């Protein structure tokens, strides 16, 4: 939690409630845009998915993802659900990735179609 007492979940929920139709993000790789309410629905879906995959609160969730929509959604969706999220950059190189992922303690690794 930050000094103001907010979490990722509370900030997303607050913006979705007060500015539901305001643009939150536009992904340059696809041109897809999401409002606060659309993004809230997406991260809630990801949080439910992780729970249904038997992740427990504070359990590490790892992703091997390039910068983009999948990375942002897993990062904030995982945090929204109360998980620790590790995003590894595929450009880091095999040795660094192996070290980071071995020490992440994550049981599963999420990857995008490119990786």
Foldseek 3Di string as FASTA:
>chain_A
DDPVPDFLQRVLVVCCVPPVQQWDDAWPVVRDTHGSVRLNVLLCVLLVVCVVVVDDAQAEAEEAEAPTDVVVSNCSSQRNNRYHYYYDYPVPDDVVVVVCVVPRNHPDYHYDPVD
